[in-house]
Amino acid sequence: DSTAVLQEAQNIGREYGTRACQQGLSLTESLQATMFFRDSLVETALNLPENTPIRPSTNTRLLRRISHVLNQVQLAVANAYEKR
């Protein structure tokens, strides 16, 4: 269920943002951490064709979904900082 996945992504981002802010991390540092996670997921998705027979169009959809979910995480992180 994509709605549940997006909601969970927002919850994760909000929680991460709140904790990072409490620990004194800047918004930039927090977003850099989420970018590291995004890069890891994208790299994994890009390596799938080597390990799994998957069509390029399917991989494109996968990358879009990863991006959409992680956008929600990053927006929730930023929102947590705005609310402090």
Protein backbone atom coordinates (compact mmCIF):
# COMPACT_ATOMS: atom_id res chain seq x y z
CA ASP A 1 0.00 0.00 0.00
CA SER A 2 1.76 3.13 -1.23
CA THR A 3 -0.22 5.42 1.08
CA ALA A 4 1.01 3.49 4.12
CA VAL A 5 4.59 3.54 2.82
CA LEU A 6 4.48 7.31 2.30
CA GLN A 7 2.98 7.84 5.75
CA GLU A 8 5.69 5.72 7.31
CA ALA A 9 8.34 7.68 5.38
CA GLN A 10 6.91 10.90 6.80
CA ASN A 11 6.90 9.44 10.31
CA ILE A 12 10.51 8.31 9.96
CA GLY A 13 11.59 11.71 8.64
CA ARG A 14 9.74 13.56 11.39
CA GLU A 15 11.28 11.36 14.08
CA TYR A 16 14.76 11.61 12.58
CA GLY A 17 14.45 15.37 12.21
CA THR A 18 13.26 15.81 15.79
CA ARG A 19 16.06 13.68 17.22
CA ALA A 20 18.74 15.24 15.02
CA CYS A 21 17.60 18.70 16.03
CA GLN A 22 17.68 17.71 19.71
CA GLN A 23 21.22 16.42 19.24
CA GLY A 24 22.32 19.75 17.81
CA LEU A 25 22.76 18.67 14.19
CA SER A 26 22.14 21.34 11.62
CA LEU A 27 19.46 20.88 8.99
CA THR A 28 22.22 20.56 6.40
CA GLU A 29 23.89 17.75 8.35
CA SER A 30 20.58 15.96 8.76
CA LEU A 31 19.78 16.21 5.06
CA GLN A 32 23.28 14.98 4.19
CA ALA A 33 22.53 11.83 6.20
CA THR A 34 19.28 11.28 4.31
CA MET A 35 21.13 11.82 1.03
CA PHE A 36 23.61 9.11 2.00
CA PHE A 37 20.68 6.75 2.58
CA ARG A 38 19.09 7.79 -0.73
CA ASP A 39 22.34 7.19 -2.60
CA SER A 40 22.65 3.72 -1.06
CA LEU A 41 19.12 2.76 -2.11
CA VAL A 42 19.55 4.14 -5.61
CA GLU A 43 22.87 2.32 -6.02
CA THR A 44 21.21 -0.92 -4.95
CA ALA A 45 18.37 -0.37 -7.41
CA LEU A 46 20.80 0.36 -10.22
CA ASN A 47 22.71 -2.83 -9.50
CA LEU A 48 19.59 -4.98 -9.67
CA PRO A 49 19.87 -5.63 -13.43
CA GLU A 50 23.22 -7.30 -12.86
CA ASN A 51 21.75 -9.66 -10.28
CA THR A 52 18.11 -9.97 -11.35
CA PRO A 53 16.45 -10.14 -14.74
CA ILE A 54 14.51 -6.88 -14.65
CA ARG A 55 13.42 -4.66 -17.51
CA PRO A 56 14.70 -1.07 -17.66
CA SER A 57 11.15 0.30 -17.47
CA THR A 58 10.61 -1.60 -14.21
CA ASN A 59 13.86 -0.25 -12.83
CA THR A 60 12.79 3.29 -13.77
CA ARG A 61 9.54 2.84 -11.85
CA LEU A 62 11.49 1.50 -8.88
CA LEU A 63 13.82 4.52 -8.90
CA ARG A 64 10.85 6.88 -9.06
CA ARG A 65 9.22 5.16 -6.08
CA ILE A 66 12.46 5.30 -4.08
CA SER A 67 12.79 8.98 -4.91
CA HIS A 68 9.18 9.72 -3.97
CA VAL A 69 9.47 7.92 -0.63
CA LEU A 70 12.77 9.57 0.27
CA ASN A 71 11.44 12.97 -0.77
CA GLN A 72 8.78 12.47 1.91
CA VAL A 73 11.47 11.61 4.46
CA GLN A 74 13.51 14.71 3.60
CA LEU A 75 10.51 17.02 3.64
CA ALA A 76 9.48 15.66 7.04
CA VAL A 77 13.02 16.21 8.36
CA ALA A 78 12.92 19.83 7.20
CA ASN A 79 9.43 20.25 8.65
CA ALA A 80 10.64 18.99 12.05
CA TYR A 81 13.34 21.67 12.04
CA GLU A 82 10.84 24.38 11.11
CA LYS A 83 8.62 23.42 14.04
CA ARG A 84 11.32 23.75 16.70
